[in-house]
Structures are given as C-alpha cells and as structure tokens.
Amino acid sequence: MTPDPFLLETTRCLCLAARRASRAITREFDQALRAHGLRATQFTLLSALYLAGPKSIGDLAELLSADRTTLTRNLALAERHGWVALRTDRGDARSRIAAITPKGSRALEAALPAWRETQQRLVDTMGAQAVASLRKLAGGSCVMPTHAGHAPRRPLSKTRAAIRHQDEHPANI
C-alpha cells in the first residue's frame, strides 16, 4: 500500500510530539532520581504534599491533573515506603487524606539536588521560550500555593528555597 501523501502531515502531530517529549522528560527525571529510590511521579507527589499540605485524594488528583485510580496506586506505594501517611477524613469517612511523612520529607530533600540539576539541564536544552510555552499549555503553574490557613513550611535546603514555580523567571526553575 502506498502512503497517502495527504497523511504525511500527521507525522508532525502535536499530540504525538507532546507524548514523546513527555516520555523523554520523564525518563531523564527517572534516571536522575533512581539513586534516591524515587521515580519522577513519586517526587512530584511528595513535593505537592510538602508544599500544599495534607490533601484528600480527590483534591490531590485535581492538583496534579492525575487520574484518581493511578494516584491511589502511587499513594499506596508511597505509603508502603513510609513516605506518605493516609488517614480517613474526619469530615467524610468515605474520603482519605494523604500527608507527607518525615521520611518522605527526607527523601524529597535528598533527591532535590538531582531534580534541580536535571530541571536546569532540560531548561537549558529546551530554551526559556519553549519552557514558558510548555508551562502555558499545561495551564500555568504546576505547583499550587499552600492555603491561606497553612503555616509556611521551612525550606528543604538551608541554602535554597523550597521547590516553587516562578512565572516571572521561567529559566530559573
């Protein structure tokens, strides 16, 4: 069968390109975080819980734009490692609340330099404009600020602030 020349445009499909780029970026972070016993998804989960505080699974899924079923599996694995504690919501017995544990905070802190190095290498490779466009397509900031009632958490590192997104300086993150 001869390929239809009109279909050649599909080789430049943005959906396919985004999926391939996502897998390549994830591989880079997974490789960098492997030495710390974490995968990129686990690092993201821990950082979200560290920054946002305890969250219901539904709220956490919304925060991370994650499928609830996949998130539940990831939370169960993180709980087995002792990085996350799950408890029943006092206001709704059908809902569970996830919170980072001290062990999870230590794992996050240990992996943070590897994450930062990988993040900066990818930002440098992609360029500030591509990074800004990617964040814009993703809907803006990838980490939501803590709620007004939450006390600010101490920085994970004595020399650098906790992970945060800075739209005004996209190349720095």
C-alpha atoms as a PDB file:
ATOM      1  CA  MET A   1       0.000   0.000   0.000  1.00  0.00           C
ATOM      2  CA  THR A   2       1.371   3.392  -0.968  1.00  0.00           C
ATOM      3  CA  PRO A   3       1.169   6.027   1.770  1.00  0.00           C
ATOM      4  CA  ASP A   4      -1.303   8.771   1.074  1.00  0.00           C
ATOM      5  CA  PRO A   5       0.762  11.968   0.640  1.00  0.00           C
ATOM      6  CA  PHE A   6      -2.005  13.910   2.340  1.00  0.00           C
ATOM      7  CA  LEU A   7      -1.372  11.916   5.527  1.00  0.00           C
ATOM      8  CA  LEU A   8       2.283  12.920   5.724  1.00  0.00           C
ATOM      9  CA  GLU A   9       1.203  15.976   7.702  1.00  0.00           C
ATOM     10  CA  THR A  10       0.244  13.636  10.549  1.00  0.00           C
ATOM     11  CA  THR A  11       3.960  12.968  11.141  1.00  0.00           C
ATOM     12  CA  ARG A  12       4.052  16.473  12.633  1.00  0.00           C
ATOM     13  CA  CYS A  13       1.183  15.755  15.042  1.00  0.00           C
ATOM     14  CA  LEU A  14       1.406  17.890  18.188  1.00  0.00           C
ATOM     15  CA  CYS A  15      -0.274  15.206  20.288  1.00  0.00           C
ATOM     16  CA  LEU A  16       2.330  12.608  19.316  1.00  0.00           C
ATOM     17  CA  ALA A  17       5.165  15.114  19.775  1.00  0.00           C
ATOM     18  CA  ALA A  18       3.906  16.052  23.241  1.00  0.00           C
ATOM     19  CA  ARG A  19       3.585  12.404  24.275  1.00  0.00           C
ATOM     20  CA  ARG A  20       7.093  11.613  23.019  1.00  0.00           C
ATOM     21  CA  ALA A  21       8.514  14.700  24.740  1.00  0.00           C
ATOM     22  CA  SER A  22       6.709  13.771  27.957  1.00  0.00           C
ATOM     23  CA  ARG A  23       8.204  10.271  27.907  1.00  0.00           C
ATOM     24  CA  ALA A  24      11.701  11.654  27.177  1.00  0.00           C
ATOM     25  CA  ILE A  25      11.478  14.199  30.009  1.00  0.00           C
ATOM     26  CA  THR A  26      10.111  11.583  32.404  1.00  0.00           C
ATOM     27  CA  ARG A  27      12.987   9.210  31.504  1.00  0.00           C
ATOM     28  CA  GLU A  28      15.507  11.956  32.310  1.00  0.00           C
ATOM     29  CA  PHE A  29      13.987  12.626  35.730  1.00  0.00           C
ATOM     30  CA  ASP A  30      13.510   8.916  36.494  1.00  0.00           C
ATOM     31  CA  GLN A  31      17.172   8.258  35.734  1.00  0.00           C
ATOM     32  CA  ALA A  32      18.333  11.169  37.907  1.00  0.00           C
ATOM     33  CA  LEU A  33      16.071  10.256  40.828  1.00  0.00           C
ATOM     34  CA  ARG A  34      16.740   6.495  40.693  1.00  0.00           C
ATOM     35  CA  ALA A  35      19.773   6.828  43.006  1.00  0.00           C
ATOM     36  CA  HIS A  36      17.398   8.220  45.647  1.00  0.00           C
ATOM     37  CA  GLY A  37      14.863   5.405  45.282  1.00  0.00           C
ATOM     38  CA  LEU A  38      12.294   7.667  43.644  1.00  0.00           C
ATOM     39  CA  ARG A  39      10.612   7.965  40.291  1.00  0.00           C
ATOM     40  CA  ALA A  40       9.518  11.285  38.818  1.00  0.00           C
ATOM     41  CA  THR A  41       5.871  10.608  39.705  1.00  0.00           C
ATOM     42  CA  GLN A  42       6.799   9.902  43.333  1.00  0.00           C
ATOM     43  CA  PHE A  43       8.981  13.014  43.560  1.00  0.00           C
ATOM     44  CA  THR A  44       6.114  15.130  42.182  1.00  0.00           C
ATOM     45  CA  LEU A  45       3.659  13.569  44.627  1.00  0.00           C
ATOM     46  CA  LEU A  46       5.947  14.220  47.593  1.00  0.00           C
ATOM     47  CA  SER A  47       6.686  17.797  46.554  1.00  0.00           C
ATOM     48  CA  ALA A  48       2.971  18.535  46.058  1.00  0.00           C
ATOM     49  CA  LEU A  49       2.135  17.191  49.520  1.00  0.00           C
ATOM     50  CA  TYR A  50       5.084  19.041  51.043  1.00  0.00           C
ATOM     51  CA  LEU A  51       4.002  22.351  49.510  1.00  0.00           C
ATOM     52  CA  ALA A  52       0.219  22.055  49.726  1.00  0.00           C
ATOM     53  CA  GLY A  53      -0.077  20.130  52.975  1.00  0.00           C
ATOM     54  CA  PRO A  54      -2.426  17.201  53.611  1.00  0.00           C
ATOM     55  CA  LYS A  55      -4.941  16.718  50.806  1.00  0.00           C
ATOM     56  CA  SER A  56      -7.842  14.437  50.030  1.00  0.00           C
ATOM     57  CA  ILE A  57      -7.153  12.039  47.180  1.00  0.00           C
ATOM     58  CA  GLY A  58      -9.678  13.912  45.031  1.00  0.00           C
ATOM     59  CA  ASP A  59      -8.080  17.290  45.728  1.00  0.00           C
ATOM     60  CA  LEU A  60      -4.610  15.862  45.162  1.00  0.00           C
ATOM     61  CA  ALA A  61      -5.703  14.302  41.854  1.00  0.00           C
ATOM     62  CA  GLU A  62      -7.059  17.680  40.766  1.00  0.00           C
ATOM     63  CA  LEU A  63      -3.905  19.486  41.907  1.00  0.00           C
ATOM     64  CA  LEU A  64      -1.707  17.097  39.914  1.00  0.00           C
ATOM     65  CA  SER A  65      -4.138  16.647  37.000  1.00  0.00           C
ATOM     66  CA  ALA A  66      -3.882  12.925  37.679  1.00  0.00           C
ATOM     67  CA  ASP A  67      -6.256  10.026  37.243  1.00  0.00           C
ATOM     68  CA  ARG A  68      -7.620   9.074  40.697  1.00  0.00           C
ATOM     69  CA  THR A  69      -7.029   5.357  40.158  1.00  0.00           C
ATOM     70  CA  THR A  70      -3.398   5.872  39.167  1.00  0.00           C
ATOM     71  CA  LEU A  71      -2.899   8.320  42.025  1.00  0.00           C
ATOM     72  CA  THR A  72      -4.375   5.827  44.503  1.00  0.00           C
ATOM     73  CA  ARG A  73      -1.857   3.188  43.329  1.00  0.00           C
ATOM     74  CA  ASN A  74       1.008   5.685  43.613  1.00  0.00           C
ATOM     75  CA  LEU A  75      -0.128   6.713  47.091  1.00  0.00           C
ATOM     76  CA  ALA A  76      -0.298   3.062  48.205  1.00  0.00           C
ATOM     77  CA  LEU A  77       3.277   2.535  47.004  1.00  0.00           C
ATOM     78  CA  ALA A  78       4.455   5.737  48.717  1.00  0.00           C
ATOM     79  CA  GLU A  79       2.697   4.620  51.894  1.00  0.00           C
ATOM     80  CA  ARG A  80       4.494   1.237  51.763  1.00  0.00           C
ATOM     81  CA  HIS A  81       7.810   3.129  51.562  1.00  0.00           C
ATOM     82  CA  GLY A  82       6.762   5.240  54.549  1.00  0.00           C
ATOM     83  CA  TRP A  83       6.857   8.499  52.530  1.00  0.00           C
ATOM     84  CA  VAL A  84       3.128   9.202  52.839  1.00  0.00           C
ATOM     85  CA  ALA A  85       0.529   8.591  55.534  1.00  0.00           C
ATOM     86  CA  LEU A  86      -3.110   8.017  54.597  1.00  0.00           C
ATOM     87  CA  ARG A  87      -5.952   8.539  57.054  1.00  0.00           C
ATOM     88  CA  THR A  88      -9.713   8.716  56.926  1.00  0.00           C
ATOM     89  CA  ASP A  89     -11.085  12.238  56.597  1.00  0.00           C
ATOM     90  CA  ARG A  90     -12.745  13.227  59.875  1.00  0.00           C
ATOM     91  CA  GLY A  91     -15.430  15.164  57.972  1.00  0.00           C
ATOM     92  CA  ASP A  92     -16.200  12.410  55.438  1.00  0.00           C
ATOM     93  CA  ALA A  93     -15.499   8.779  56.287  1.00  0.00           C
ATOM     94  CA  ARG A  94     -15.586   7.890  52.568  1.00  0.00           C
ATOM     95  CA  SER A  95     -12.640  10.172  51.838  1.00  0.00           C
ATOM     96  CA  ARG A  96      -8.958   9.642  52.663  1.00  0.00           C
ATOM     97  CA  ILE A  97      -6.377  12.317  53.368  1.00  0.00           C
ATOM     98  CA  ALA A  98      -2.759  11.967  52.239  1.00  0.00           C
ATOM     99  CA  ALA A  99       0.118  13.696  54.022  1.00  0.00           C
ATOM    100  CA  ILE A 100       3.876  13.573  53.578  1.00  0.00           C
ATOM    101  CA  THR A 101       5.731  11.921  56.458  1.00  0.00           C
ATOM    102  CA  PRO A 102       9.078  12.975  57.936  1.00  0.00           C
ATOM    103  CA  LYS A 103      10.656  10.093  55.996  1.00  0.00           C
ATOM    104  CA  GLY A 104       9.009  11.408  52.819  1.00  0.00           C
ATOM    105  CA  SER A 105      10.361  14.902  53.504  1.00  0.00           C
ATOM    106  CA  ARG A 106      13.862  13.459  53.974  1.00  0.00           C
ATOM    107  CA  ALA A 107      13.573  11.500  50.693  1.00  0.00           C
ATOM    108  CA  LEU A 108      12.403  14.642  48.905  1.00  0.00           C
ATOM    109  CA  GLU A 109      15.242  16.711  50.376  1.00  0.00           C
ATOM    110  CA  ALA A 110      17.848  14.094  49.429  1.00  0.00           C
ATOM    111  CA  ALA A 111      16.576  13.936  45.838  1.00  0.00           C
ATOM    112  CA  LEU A 112      16.186  17.704  45.404  1.00  0.00           C
ATOM    113  CA  PRO A 113      19.732  18.393  44.112  1.00  0.00           C
ATOM    114  CA  ALA A 114      19.364  15.691  41.422  1.00  0.00           C
ATOM    115  CA  TRP A 115      15.974  17.109  40.470  1.00  0.00           C
ATOM    116  CA  ARG A 116      17.385  20.655  40.271  1.00  0.00           C
ATOM    117  CA  GLU A 117      20.308  19.544  38.108  1.00  0.00           C
ATOM    118  CA  THR A 118      18.018  17.669  35.716  1.00  0.00           C
ATOM    119  CA  GLN A 119      15.497  20.519  35.657  1.00  0.00           C
ATOM    120  CA  GLN A 120      18.190  23.065  34.782  1.00  0.00           C
ATOM    121  CA  ARG A 121      19.750  20.822  32.118  1.00  0.00           C
ATOM    122  CA  LEU A 122      16.363  20.345  30.443  1.00  0.00           C
ATOM    123  CA  VAL A 123      15.532  24.067  30.685  1.00  0.00           C
ATOM    124  CA  ASP A 124      18.906  24.869  29.107  1.00  0.00           C
ATOM    125  CA  THR A 125      18.328  22.299  26.353  1.00  0.00           C
ATOM    126  CA  MET A 126      14.778  23.414  25.583  1.00  0.00           C
ATOM    127  CA  GLY A 127      15.299  27.149  25.969  1.00  0.00           C
ATOM    128  CA  ALA A 128      13.323  29.636  28.045  1.00  0.00           C
ATOM    129  CA  GLN A 129      10.696  30.286  25.356  1.00  0.00           C
ATOM    130  CA  ALA A 130       9.887  26.583  24.879  1.00  0.00           C
ATOM    131  CA  VAL A 131       9.729  26.090  28.656  1.00  0.00           C
ATOM    132  CA  ALA A 132       7.372  29.058  29.015  1.00  0.00           C
ATOM    133  CA  SER A 133       5.191  27.706  26.177  1.00  0.00           C
ATOM    134  CA  LEU A 134       5.094  24.260  27.781  1.00  0.00           C
ATOM    135  CA  ARG A 135       4.012  25.743  31.109  1.00  0.00           C
ATOM    136  CA  LYS A 136       1.384  27.843  29.351  1.00  0.00           C
ATOM    137  CA  LEU A 137      -0.028  24.758  27.593  1.00  0.00           C
ATOM    138  CA  ALA A 138      -0.037  22.950  30.944  1.00  0.00           C
ATOM    139  CA  GLY A 139      -2.235  25.694  32.376  1.00  0.00           C
ATOM    140  CA  GLY A 140       0.366  27.735  34.212  1.00  0.00           C
ATOM    141  CA  SER A 141       2.000  26.983  37.496  1.00  0.00           C
ATOM    142  CA  CYS A 142       2.411  23.286  38.186  1.00  0.00           C
ATOM    143  CA  VAL A 143       2.512  23.638  41.970  1.00  0.00           C
ATOM    144  CA  MET A 144      -0.338  25.333  43.744  1.00  0.00           C
ATOM    145  CA  PRO A 145       0.410  27.624  46.693  1.00  0.00           C
ATOM    146  CA  THR A 146      -0.432  26.492  50.189  1.00  0.00           C
ATOM    147  CA  HIS A 147      -3.794  27.507  51.568  1.00  0.00           C
ATOM    148  CA  ALA A 148      -4.032  30.774  53.491  1.00  0.00           C
ATOM    149  CA  GLY A 149      -4.534  28.954  56.789  1.00  0.00           C
ATOM    150  CA  HIS A 150      -1.371  26.882  56.392  1.00  0.00           C
ATOM    151  CA  ALA A 151       1.783  27.999  58.129  1.00  0.00           C
ATOM    152  CA  PRO A 152       4.647  28.283  55.637  1.00  0.00           C
ATOM    153  CA  ARG A 153       6.903  25.245  55.589  1.00  0.00           C
ATOM    154  CA  ARG A 154      10.597  25.534  56.219  1.00  0.00           C
ATOM    155  CA  PRO A 155      12.725  25.339  53.070  1.00  0.00           C
ATOM    156  CA  LEU A 156      14.015  21.854  52.267  1.00  0.00           C
ATOM    157  CA  SER A 157      17.513  23.180  51.836  1.00  0.00           C
ATOM    158  CA  LYS A 158      19.358  25.610  54.067  1.00  0.00           C
ATOM    159  CA  THR A 159      20.800  27.364  51.016  1.00  0.00           C
ATOM    160  CA  ARG A 160      17.855  27.316  48.605  1.00  0.00           C
ATOM    161  CA  ALA A 161      14.140  27.819  48.944  1.00  0.00           C
ATOM    162  CA  ALA A 162      11.619  25.006  48.619  1.00  0.00           C
ATOM    163  CA  ILE A 163      10.504  23.967  45.131  1.00  0.00           C
ATOM    164  CA  ARG A 164       8.251  26.569  43.598  1.00  0.00           C
ATOM    165  CA  HIS A 165       7.224  27.806  40.208  1.00  0.00           C
ATOM    166  CA  GLN A 166       8.191  31.342  39.217  1.00  0.00           C
ATOM    167  CA  ASP A 167       6.419  32.505  36.061  1.00  0.00           C
ATOM    168  CA  GLU A 168       8.460  35.682  36.051  1.00  0.00           C
ATOM    169  CA  HIS A 169      11.747  33.697  35.904  1.00  0.00           C
ATOM    170  CA  PRO A 170      10.894  30.505  33.954  1.00  0.00           C
ATOM    171  CA  ALA A 171      14.520  29.675  33.175  1.00  0.00           C
ATOM    172  CA  ASN A 172      15.380  29.503  36.877  1.00  0.00           C
ATOM    173  CA  ILE A 173      13.180  26.521  37.572  1.00  0.00           C
END
